[in-house]
Protein backbone atom coordinates (compact mmCIF):
# COMPACT_ATOMS: atom_id res chain seq x y z
CA MET A 1 -8.64 5.99 -22.68
CA MET A 2 -7.54 2.43 -20.74
CA ASN A 3 -10.03 -0.86 -22.33
CA ARG A 4 -7.97 -3.61 -20.61
CA ILE A 5 -7.04 -5.01 -17.19
CA VAL A 6 -4.68 -8.11 -16.90
CA TRP A 7 -3.97 -10.11 -13.18
CA HIS A 8 -0.74 -11.31 -12.72
CA HIS A 9 1.54 -13.03 -10.05
CA THR A 10 5.23 -11.89 -10.16
CA GLY A 11 6.63 -15.55 -9.43
CA GLY A 12 8.55 -13.37 -6.28
CA GLY A 13 7.64 -13.13 -2.31
CA TYR A 14 5.33 -11.49 -0.96
CA SER A 15 6.67 -7.99 -1.20
CA PRO A 16 7.01 -5.85 -4.32
CA GLY A 17 10.30 -5.46 -5.26
CA PRO A 18 12.18 -3.12 -8.05
CA GLU A 19 11.58 -5.48 -11.18
CA ASP A 20 8.19 -6.08 -10.09
CA ARG A 21 7.43 -2.11 -9.91
CA ARG A 22 8.57 -1.59 -13.02
CA ALA A 23 6.76 -4.43 -14.65
CA TYR A 24 3.18 -3.50 -13.30
CA HIS A 25 0.99 -0.75 -12.75
CA ARG A 26 -0.31 -2.16 -8.94
CA LEU A 27 1.38 -4.94 -6.62
CA ILE A 28 -0.68 -6.59 -3.84
CA ASP A 29 1.86 -7.53 -1.05
CA GLY A 30 1.21 -10.31 1.42
CA ASP A 31 -0.80 -8.43 3.78
CA GLY A 32 -3.14 -7.52 0.88
CA GLN A 33 -2.02 -3.87 0.48
CA VAL A 34 -2.24 -1.99 -2.79
CA HIS A 35 1.18 -0.38 -4.03
CA ASP A 36 1.52 1.47 -6.94
CA GLY A 37 4.01 0.62 -9.99
CA HIS A 38 6.83 2.67 -10.84
CA HIS A 39 5.06 3.66 -13.79
CA ALA A 40 1.92 5.52 -13.90
CA ILE A 41 -1.15 4.03 -15.86
CA ALA A 42 -1.17 7.03 -17.95
CA ALA A 43 2.49 5.32 -19.74
CA ASN A 44 0.23 2.94 -21.46
CA ALA A 45 -2.17 4.90 -22.60
CA PRO A 46 -3.31 4.78 -26.33
CA GLY A 47 -0.83 6.81 -28.63
CA ARG A 48 2.06 6.82 -26.05
CA ALA A 49 5.07 5.33 -27.56
CA LEU A 50 5.91 2.18 -25.76
CA THR A 51 9.76 3.10 -25.78
CA PRO A 52 11.27 0.26 -23.36
CA GLY A 53 11.60 1.33 -19.80
CA THR A 54 9.04 3.97 -20.06
CA TYR A 55 6.12 2.09 -19.51
CA ALA A 56 4.50 -1.42 -17.57
CA ALA A 57 5.48 -4.15 -20.36
CA HIS A 58 3.15 -6.39 -18.30
CA THR A 59 1.76 -8.45 -20.93
CA ARG A 60 3.55 -9.46 -24.05
CA GLY A 61 1.94 -7.56 -27.17
CA LEU A 62 -0.59 -5.87 -25.62
CA ASN A 63 0.33 -3.23 -23.27
CA THR A 64 -1.46 -0.60 -24.97
CA GLY A 65 -4.15 0.64 -22.79
CA ALA A 66 -3.98 -2.62 -20.76
CA ILE A 67 -3.36 -2.20 -16.71
CA GLY A 68 -1.66 -4.67 -15.11
CA VAL A 69 -2.56 -5.59 -11.44
CA ALA A 70 -0.10 -8.21 -9.86
CA ILE A 71 0.03 -10.30 -6.69
CA CYS A 72 2.99 -10.69 -5.15
CA ALA A 73 3.40 -14.13 -4.98
CA MET A 74 4.55 -17.49 -6.38
CA ALA A 75 8.12 -17.12 -5.76
CA GLY A 76 10.36 -20.70 -7.15
CA ALA A 77 7.19 -22.24 -8.15
CA GLY A 78 6.75 -24.08 -11.54
CA TRP A 79 3.41 -25.38 -13.40
CA GLY A 80 4.42 -28.73 -12.51
CA GLY A 81 6.07 -28.03 -9.36
CA ALA A 82 5.18 -29.58 -6.09
CA VAL A 83 2.11 -27.94 -4.32
CA PRO A 84 1.82 -26.77 -1.82
CA TRP A 85 4.10 -23.90 -2.94
CA THR A 86 6.34 -21.57 -0.68
CA HIS A 87 4.85 -18.35 -1.29
CA PRO A 88 1.49 -19.27 -2.41
CA VAL A 89 -1.28 -16.97 -3.16
CA LYS A 90 -3.13 -15.45 -0.30
CA PRO A 91 -7.00 -15.54 0.01
CA VAL A 92 -6.36 -11.48 1.33
CA GLN A 93 -4.75 -10.95 -1.52
CA VAL A 94 -7.32 -11.99 -4.43
CA ASP A 95 -9.70 -10.15 -2.18
CA ALA A 96 -7.14 -7.32 -2.75
CA LEU A 97 -7.42 -8.27 -6.85
CA VAL A 98 -10.81 -7.86 -6.46
CA ALA A 99 -11.24 -5.25 -5.08
CA GLU A 100 -8.86 -3.02 -6.66
CA THR A 101 -10.22 -4.14 -10.17
CA ALA A 102 -13.61 -2.72 -9.30
CA ARG A 103 -12.32 0.21 -8.67
CA LEU A 104 -10.64 0.89 -11.81
CA CYS A 105 -13.38 -0.27 -13.69
CA ASP A 106 -15.00 2.77 -12.19
CA ARG A 107 -12.50 4.86 -12.53
CA TYR A 108 -12.00 3.98 -16.02
CA GLY A 109 -15.39 3.10 -17.21
CA ILE A 110 -14.17 -0.27 -18.04
CA VAL A 111 -16.83 -2.96 -18.68
CA PRO A 112 -15.94 -6.45 -17.05
CA GLY A 113 -15.54 -9.06 -19.66
CA PRO A 114 -13.58 -12.52 -20.85
CA ARG A 115 -11.51 -10.18 -23.27
CA ILE A 116 -11.41 -7.02 -20.82
CA THR A 117 -10.80 -8.33 -17.34
CA LEU A 118 -8.77 -10.98 -17.50
CA SER A 119 -5.47 -13.39 -16.00
CA HIS A 120 -2.57 -13.64 -17.77
CA ALA A 121 -3.14 -17.48 -18.35
CA GLU A 122 -6.34 -16.49 -20.37
CA VAL A 123 -4.74 -14.03 -22.93
CA GLU A 124 -3.59 -16.42 -24.99
CA PRO A 125 -6.22 -18.65 -25.32
CA THR A 126 -8.58 -15.58 -25.48
CA LEU A 127 -7.31 -12.99 -27.62
CA GLY A 128 -4.85 -15.26 -29.84
CA VAL A 129 -2.21 -13.03 -28.50
CA VAL A 130 0.93 -15.37 -28.12
CA GLN A 131 2.75 -15.18 -24.09
CA ALA A 132 5.64 -17.01 -22.94
CA GLY A 133 3.81 -20.17 -20.99
CA LYS A 134 2.18 -18.00 -18.60
CA TRP A 135 -0.12 -19.83 -15.94
CA ASP A 136 -1.03 -16.81 -13.45
CA PHE A 137 -3.88 -17.91 -12.90
CA ASP A 138 -4.43 -21.71 -13.71
CA TYR A 139 -4.71 -22.52 -10.70
CA PRO A 140 -7.04 -21.70 -7.60
CA PRO A 141 -6.00 -18.61 -6.63
CA ARG A 142 -7.71 -19.02 -3.16
CA GLY A 143 -6.28 -22.36 -2.76
CA GLY A 144 -8.05 -25.87 -2.47
CA PRO A 145 -9.26 -28.62 -5.03
CA GLY A 146 -9.91 -27.09 -8.44
CA ALA A 147 -9.79 -28.08 -12.31
CA ARG A 148 -6.76 -26.10 -13.63
CA ASP A 149 -8.72 -23.89 -16.11
CA PRO A 150 -7.88 -20.26 -16.64
CA ILE A 151 -11.19 -19.32 -18.24
CA ALA A 152 -13.41 -20.74 -15.32
CA ILE A 153 -11.06 -19.20 -12.76
CA GLY A 154 -11.08 -16.10 -14.62
CA ASP A 155 -15.00 -16.29 -14.76
CA GLU A 156 -15.26 -16.77 -11.27
CA LEU A 157 -13.25 -13.37 -10.46
CA ARG A 158 -15.10 -11.37 -13.11
CA ALA A 159 -18.27 -12.92 -11.35
CA GLU A 160 -16.86 -11.20 -8.17
CA VAL A 161 -15.93 -8.02 -9.60
CA ALA A 162 -19.24 -7.26 -10.99
CA ARG A 163 -20.82 -8.09 -7.94
CA LEU A 164 -18.92 -5.37 -6.14
CA LEU A 165 -19.66 -2.76 -8.94
CA SER A 166 -22.75 -0.72 -7.62
CA SER A 167 -23.35 -0.41 -11.21
CA ARG A 168 -21.96 -1.39 -14.46
CA PRO A 169 -20.85 1.87 -16.21
CA VAL A 170 -22.55 2.56 -19.88
CA ALA A 171 -19.92 3.41 -22.36
CA PRO A 172 -20.61 6.71 -24.33
CA ASP A 173 -21.43 6.59 -28.11
CA PRO A 174 -18.38 6.67 -29.84
CA ILE A 175 -17.04 9.90 -31.99
CA ARG A 176 -15.95 7.53 -34.63
CA PRO A 177 -17.74 4.25 -35.33
CA VAL A 178 -16.24 0.59 -35.20
CA LEU A 179 -15.08 -0.19 -38.74
CA ARG A 180 -14.03 -3.39 -40.35
CA GLN A 181 -13.59 -4.57 -43.57
CA GLY A 182 -16.40 -3.97 -45.96
CA ALA A 183 -17.01 -0.82 -44.18
CA THR A 184 -16.78 2.68 -46.78
CA GLY A 185 -17.66 6.08 -46.30
CA GLN A 186 -15.58 9.23 -45.32
CA HIS A 187 -14.94 7.45 -41.71
CA VAL A 188 -12.80 4.71 -43.77
CA ARG A 189 -10.99 7.93 -45.65
CA ASP A 190 -10.19 9.67 -42.53
CA LEU A 191 -8.38 5.51 -41.11
CA GLN A 192 -6.63 5.54 -44.13
CA ARG A 193 -5.27 8.76 -44.19
CA LEU A 194 -4.26 8.07 -40.59
CA LEU A 195 -2.64 5.03 -41.06
CA ARG A 196 -0.43 6.54 -44.55
CA GLY A 197 -0.73 3.48 -46.41
CA PRO A 198 -3.28 2.20 -48.62
CA GLY A 199 -4.54 4.83 -50.81
CA ILE A 200 -7.80 6.62 -49.68
CA ASP A 201 -10.67 5.53 -51.51
CA GLY A 202 -12.99 5.22 -48.61
CA ALA A 203 -13.19 1.54 -49.18
CA PHE A 204 -12.04 -0.90 -46.00
CA GLY A 205 -10.45 -3.46 -48.31
CA PRO A 206 -7.74 -6.35 -47.59
CA LEU A 207 -5.16 -3.53 -47.65
CA THR A 208 -6.74 -1.66 -45.49
CA ARG A 209 -7.29 -4.27 -43.22
CA ARG A 210 -3.52 -5.36 -43.53
CA ALA A 211 -2.57 -1.96 -42.34
CA VAL A 212 -4.75 -1.81 -39.82
CA VAL A 213 -3.45 -5.29 -38.17
CA GLU A 214 0.12 -4.02 -38.86
CA PHE A 215 -0.27 -0.60 -37.12
CA GLN A 216 -2.02 -2.41 -34.03
CA SER A 217 0.85 -5.05 -33.39
CA ARG A 218 2.94 -2.16 -33.85
CA ASN A 219 1.83 -0.46 -31.00
CA GLU A 220 0.61 -3.80 -28.85
CA LEU A 221 -3.03 -3.46 -29.32
CA LEU A 222 -5.13 -6.56 -30.09
CA PRO A 223 -4.68 -7.35 -34.23
CA ASP A 224 -7.72 -7.88 -34.96
CA GLY A 225 -8.09 -6.14 -38.13
CA ILE A 226 -11.12 -4.09 -36.50
CA VAL A 227 -11.21 -0.51 -35.31
CA GLY A 228 -12.22 0.45 -32.59
CA PRO A 229 -12.38 3.17 -30.11
CA MET A 230 -8.61 2.08 -28.83
CA THR A 231 -7.29 1.72 -32.32
CA TRP A 232 -8.60 5.21 -33.08
CA ALA A 233 -7.08 6.96 -29.79
CA ALA A 234 -3.96 5.33 -31.16
CA LEU A 235 -3.91 6.62 -34.47
CA ALA A 236 -5.39 10.33 -32.86
CA PRO A 237 -1.89 11.48 -32.43
CA GLN A 238 -0.30 11.20 -35.32
CA GLY A 239 -2.89 12.83 -37.06
């Protein structure tokens, strides 16, 4: 089960290099052709151990369930560097990024949205997961003037993805409900048993929430303390 797509630029030339292939699941060259990365998308699936070298480590602290799609471009560029850059992102690459994102959304039943299909530059302000000053994309990826607002740019790309999708997939009803602090009952007991930490009393209190956040952080899930499909999927193999 994959539930997120994160867009990147490689910071290299227009062809994917060996390090690029190890870092991303899909790479788009200067002609707009899509290449597979070294690691299968399934390597980042919930429940898989994120052992270094066995998965695509494309987004710090948020690799579980996340597909990394990168445009091969921006070699030698810096946020405050001279523009035009020597290897800027090409419009044909952006077209391919949008098309590949739509294809992956169809394949994995992902519904596009600001927290689900987003650029690396949006991760920290949108999800609160600290990154290392990433700025792909806080510039108009098709070139030309424009505000350096990654969320506004992401909104434009998401709108393009939505237009490409013939129909938005409807997520199936979850077998297990979404749980958050304050929940009670058998599903909370199941959660506490899988966490193997707090007492099994069927009450989702502060201690259970803390155990959930710690589990999510260890497994590179969004550490929000809410137990949704991704957290359930990551917990299940341990049961």
